[in-house]
Amino acid sequence: MALVQQYVVGGGPVVWALLAFSVTGLSVVLFKIWQLWFHFKLASSQTDKAFALLQERHTNEALLLVRGDRNPRSHAISETLQALSLTGLDASQYRDESFRRARAQVGELSSHLRVLEVIATLAPLLGLLGTVLGMIEAFRAMEAAGEQVNPAILSGGIWQALLTTAMGLVVAIPVSLAHSWLDRRVERESEAIQNDVERVLAMLPALQPLLAKARREAP
């Protein structure tokens, strides 16, 4: 514990900034893991049930199943089905509207990933800045000592300066790995959402008459 405190104090404000980066990065990573796990834990079974109902022409039941569900795949199916209720849209316009709504779900999944990318980029640069400032301070101390230069002054200043570079890499490497992994997970889930929308659009000729009939019979 004393060694950690020595590193933090020796590194100065740059180390404190890097510690703030690490806490922020860890918070974002944990949030995204929770988001992906929570939203997609039951997504496959839920969407499979919805498509089974759609294939049996139980459109309203499928809509009720996915409406209000918080996972993005179910929400994308719900938005696609609800877009059918928009009047004045031809097939091409309906397709565009469906994909516009799907992109909104993809955007939600991608939220906060940019923060990880920025941290992974800035942490090494901030560490390098700390090293440069530390070296300047070390040589300034040598100049002030004049002919009474003590090698310990230089070596102490150098290790403190290099500490910030090491800290920057310690923060950046795991954050960069986490960003790559999460980005790939989001990409896979985005592909699943796009595939779900495509499946609903493929059923469009059979679904439109059913929803039109339901709207006419609605009180």
Protein backbone atom coordinates (compact mmCIF):
# COMPACT_ATOMS: atom_id res chain seq x y z
CA MET A 1 0.00 0.00 0.00
CA ALA A 2 2.85 2.36 0.87
CA LEU A 3 4.47 1.60 -2.50
CA VAL A 4 1.26 2.46 -4.35
CA GLN A 5 0.97 5.69 -2.41
CA GLN A 6 4.58 6.49 -3.28
CA TYR A 7 3.87 5.92 -6.98
CA VAL A 8 0.77 8.11 -6.91
CA VAL A 9 2.51 10.93 -5.07
CA GLY A 10 5.64 10.61 -7.20
CA GLY A 11 3.70 10.67 -10.45
CA GLY A 12 1.91 13.87 -9.58
CA PRO A 13 -1.24 15.18 -11.30
CA VAL A 14 -0.70 13.02 -14.39
CA VAL A 15 -1.04 9.83 -12.35
CA TRP A 16 -4.21 11.17 -10.76
CA ALA A 17 -5.61 11.87 -14.21
CA LEU A 18 -4.70 8.34 -15.34
CA LEU A 19 -6.38 6.90 -12.25
CA ALA A 20 -9.51 8.85 -13.17
CA PHE A 21 -9.27 7.39 -16.69
CA SER A 22 -8.98 3.88 -15.26
CA VAL A 23 -12.02 4.30 -13.01
CA THR A 24 -14.06 5.75 -15.87
CA GLY A 25 -12.98 2.98 -18.24
CA LEU A 26 -13.78 0.25 -15.72
CA SER A 27 -17.21 1.77 -15.07
CA VAL A 28 -18.03 1.87 -18.79
CA VAL A 29 -16.82 -1.71 -19.35
CA LEU A 30 -18.91 -3.06 -16.47
CA PHE A 31 -21.96 -1.11 -17.64
CA LYS A 32 -21.66 -2.39 -21.22
CA ILE A 33 -21.19 -5.99 -20.05
CA TRP A 34 -24.29 -5.67 -17.88
CA GLN A 35 -26.23 -4.02 -20.72
CA LEU A 36 -25.38 -6.71 -23.25
CA TRP A 37 -26.00 -9.55 -20.81
CA PHE A 38 -29.27 -8.11 -19.49
CA HIS A 39 -30.74 -7.15 -22.84
CA PHE A 40 -29.79 -10.30 -24.71
CA LYS A 41 -30.06 -12.92 -21.99
CA LEU A 42 -33.45 -14.04 -23.21
CA ALA A 43 -33.48 -12.26 -26.57
CA SER A 44 -33.06 -15.36 -28.73
CA SER A 45 -35.91 -17.30 -27.14
CA GLN A 46 -38.15 -14.22 -27.14
CA THR A 47 -37.56 -13.43 -30.80
CA ASP A 48 -37.92 -17.09 -31.78
CA LYS A 49 -41.35 -17.12 -30.13
CA ALA A 50 -42.29 -13.91 -31.92
CA PHE A 51 -41.30 -15.26 -35.33
CA ALA A 52 -43.13 -18.52 -34.66
CA LEU A 53 -46.29 -16.48 -34.00
CA LEU A 54 -45.73 -14.41 -37.14
CA GLN A 55 -45.33 -17.52 -39.27
CA GLU A 56 -48.64 -18.76 -37.88
CA ARG A 57 -50.14 -15.36 -38.85
CA HIS A 58 -50.74 -14.41 -35.19
CA THR A 59 -49.49 -10.90 -35.79
CA ASN A 60 -51.17 -9.17 -32.87
CA GLU A 61 -49.97 -11.84 -30.43
CA ALA A 62 -46.41 -11.45 -31.71
CA LEU A 63 -46.62 -7.68 -31.32
CA LEU A 64 -47.92 -8.03 -27.77
CA LEU A 65 -45.06 -10.40 -26.96
CA VAL A 66 -42.29 -8.04 -28.04
CA ARG A 67 -43.92 -4.70 -27.26
CA GLY A 68 -42.53 -3.27 -24.05
CA ASP A 69 -39.64 -5.76 -23.97
CA ARG A 70 -36.46 -3.89 -23.13
CA ASN A 71 -34.01 -5.90 -25.19
CA PRO A 72 -33.14 -4.18 -28.50
CA ARG A 73 -33.91 -7.18 -30.72
CA SER A 74 -37.48 -7.44 -29.45
CA HIS A 75 -37.82 -3.67 -29.60
CA ALA A 76 -36.64 -3.62 -33.21
CA ILE A 77 -39.24 -6.25 -34.16
CA SER A 78 -41.92 -4.28 -32.33
CA GLU A 79 -40.92 -1.04 -34.08
CA THR A 80 -40.90 -2.79 -37.46
CA LEU A 81 -44.39 -4.20 -36.93
CA GLN A 82 -45.70 -0.89 -35.64
CA ALA A 83 -44.30 0.87 -38.70
CA LEU A 84 -46.87 -1.09 -40.71
CA SER A 85 -49.55 1.07 -39.12
CA LEU A 86 -48.11 4.18 -40.78
CA THR A 87 -50.32 5.18 -43.67
CA GLY A 88 -49.09 6.38 -47.04
CA LEU A 89 -45.91 4.30 -47.13
CA ASP A 90 -45.09 2.10 -50.07
CA ALA A 91 -42.90 -1.00 -49.72
CA SER A 92 -39.66 0.91 -50.29
CA GLN A 93 -40.56 3.65 -47.81
CA TYR A 94 -41.64 1.08 -45.24
CA ARG A 95 -38.32 -0.70 -45.63
CA ASP A 96 -36.43 2.56 -45.12
CA GLU A 97 -38.51 3.41 -42.06
CA SER A 98 -37.95 -0.05 -40.58
CA PHE A 99 -34.19 0.19 -40.98
CA ARG A 100 -34.20 3.73 -39.59
CA ARG A 101 -35.82 2.42 -36.43
CA ALA A 102 -33.40 -0.51 -36.32
CA ARG A 103 -30.44 1.88 -36.54
CA ALA A 104 -31.74 3.66 -33.46
CA GLN A 105 -31.47 0.39 -31.53
CA VAL A 106 -27.96 -0.19 -32.85
CA GLY A 107 -27.02 3.33 -31.76
CA GLU A 108 -28.18 2.56 -28.23
CA LEU A 109 -25.95 -0.52 -28.12
CA SER A 110 -22.95 1.49 -29.32
CA SER A 111 -23.35 4.19 -26.67
CA HIS A 112 -20.32 4.88 -24.45
CA LEU A 113 -17.94 2.79 -26.58
CA ARG A 114 -16.45 6.03 -27.85
CA VAL A 115 -15.39 6.82 -24.27
CA LEU A 116 -13.27 3.65 -24.15
CA GLU A 117 -11.70 4.49 -27.50
CA VAL A 118 -10.76 7.97 -26.29
CA ILE A 119 -9.26 6.62 -23.05
CA ALA A 120 -7.23 4.00 -24.92
CA THR A 121 -5.86 6.74 -27.19
CA LEU A 122 -5.21 9.47 -24.63
CA ALA A 123 -3.81 7.42 -21.72
CA PRO A 124 -0.43 6.63 -23.37
CA LEU A 125 -0.14 10.22 -24.62
CA LEU A 126 -0.89 11.57 -21.16
CA GLY A 127 1.68 9.18 -19.69
CA LEU A 128 4.26 10.36 -22.22
CA LEU A 129 3.48 13.96 -21.32
CA GLY A 130 4.10 13.14 -17.68
CA THR A 131 7.43 11.57 -18.60
CA VAL A 132 8.52 14.65 -20.56
CA LEU A 133 7.53 16.95 -17.71
CA GLY A 134 9.33 14.69 -15.24
CA MET A 135 12.53 14.70 -17.30
CA ILE A 136 12.39 18.48 -17.55
CA GLU A 137 12.07 18.68 -13.77
CA ALA A 138 14.95 16.22 -13.26
CA PHE A 139 17.34 18.18 -15.47
CA ARG A 140 16.21 21.44 -13.91
CA ALA A 141 17.14 20.01 -10.51
CA MET A 142 20.56 18.99 -11.87
CA GLU A 143 21.13 22.48 -13.19
CA ALA A 144 20.16 23.99 -9.86
CA ALA A 145 22.61 21.68 -8.06
CA GLY A 146 25.48 23.01 -10.16
CA GLU A 147 28.77 21.25 -9.47
CA GLN A 148 27.28 19.42 -6.49
CA VAL A 149 25.28 17.09 -8.75
CA ASN A 150 24.15 13.93 -6.99
CA PRO A 151 23.45 10.99 -9.32
CA ALA A 152 20.56 10.05 -7.03
CA ILE A 153 18.82 13.28 -8.03
CA LEU A 154 18.90 12.31 -11.70
CA SER A 155 17.97 8.66 -11.17
CA GLY A 156 15.12 9.58 -8.84
CA GLY A 157 13.76 12.07 -11.32
CA ILE A 158 14.00 9.60 -14.19
CA TRP A 159 12.10 6.78 -12.47
CA GLN A 160 9.37 9.18 -11.44
CA ALA A 161 9.17 10.45 -15.01
CA LEU A 162 9.01 6.96 -16.52
CA LEU A 163 6.34 5.98 -14.02
CA THR A 164 3.69 7.98 -15.86
CA THR A 165 4.46 6.26 -19.18
CA ALA A 166 4.10 2.87 -17.51
CA MET A 167 0.84 3.95 -15.89
CA GLY A 168 -0.48 5.20 -19.20
CA LEU A 169 0.19 1.83 -20.82
CA VAL A 170 -1.28 -0.06 -17.87
CA VAL A 171 -4.51 1.90 -18.33
CA ALA A 172 -4.58 1.87 -22.13
CA ILE A 173 -3.87 -1.81 -22.86
CA PRO A 174 -6.80 -3.40 -20.96
CA VAL A 175 -9.16 -0.62 -22.02
CA SER A 176 -8.19 -1.15 -25.65
CA LEU A 177 -8.75 -4.91 -25.35
CA ALA A 178 -12.12 -4.36 -23.66
CA HIS A 179 -13.15 -1.89 -26.35
CA SER A 180 -12.28 -4.34 -29.12
CA TRP A 181 -14.21 -7.16 -27.44
CA LEU A 182 -17.27 -5.01 -26.71
CA ASP A 183 -17.21 -3.52 -30.20
CA ARG A 184 -17.28 -7.01 -31.68
CA ARG A 185 -20.15 -8.02 -29.38
CA VAL A 186 -22.14 -4.94 -30.40
CA GLU A 187 -21.40 -5.69 -34.06
CA ARG A 188 -22.75 -9.23 -33.67
CA GLU A 189 -25.90 -8.02 -31.92
CA SER A 190 -26.36 -5.34 -34.58
CA GLU A 191 -26.20 -8.01 -37.25
CA ALA A 192 -28.83 -9.99 -35.33
CA ILE A 193 -31.11 -6.92 -35.21
CA GLN A 194 -30.68 -6.31 -38.94
CA ASN A 195 -31.44 -9.97 -39.62
CA ASP A 196 -34.60 -9.80 -37.51
CA VAL A 197 -35.82 -6.77 -39.45
CA GLU A 198 -35.07 -8.54 -42.74
CA ARG A 199 -37.12 -11.53 -41.60
CA VAL A 200 -40.09 -9.32 -40.75
CA LEU A 201 -39.79 -7.55 -44.11
CA ALA A 202 -39.76 -10.92 -45.87
CA MET A 203 -43.12 -11.65 -44.23
CA LEU A 204 -44.52 -8.26 -45.28
CA PRO A 205 -46.91 -9.51 -48.02
CA ALA A 206 -48.62 -11.83 -45.55
CA LEU A 207 -48.59 -9.43 -42.59
CA GLN A 208 -50.04 -6.30 -44.18
CA PRO A 209 -53.55 -7.69 -44.81
CA LEU A 210 -53.72 -9.08 -41.28
CA LEU A 211 -52.75 -5.80 -39.65
CA ALA A 212 -55.07 -3.85 -41.93
CA LYS A 213 -57.93 -6.12 -40.91
CA ALA A 214 -57.05 -5.72 -37.24
CA ARG A 215 -57.08 -1.92 -37.59
CA ARG A 216 -60.51 -2.02 -39.25
CA GLU A 217 -61.91 -4.21 -36.49
CA ALA A 218 -60.38 -2.14 -33.71
CA PRO A 219 -62.93 -0.05 -31.76
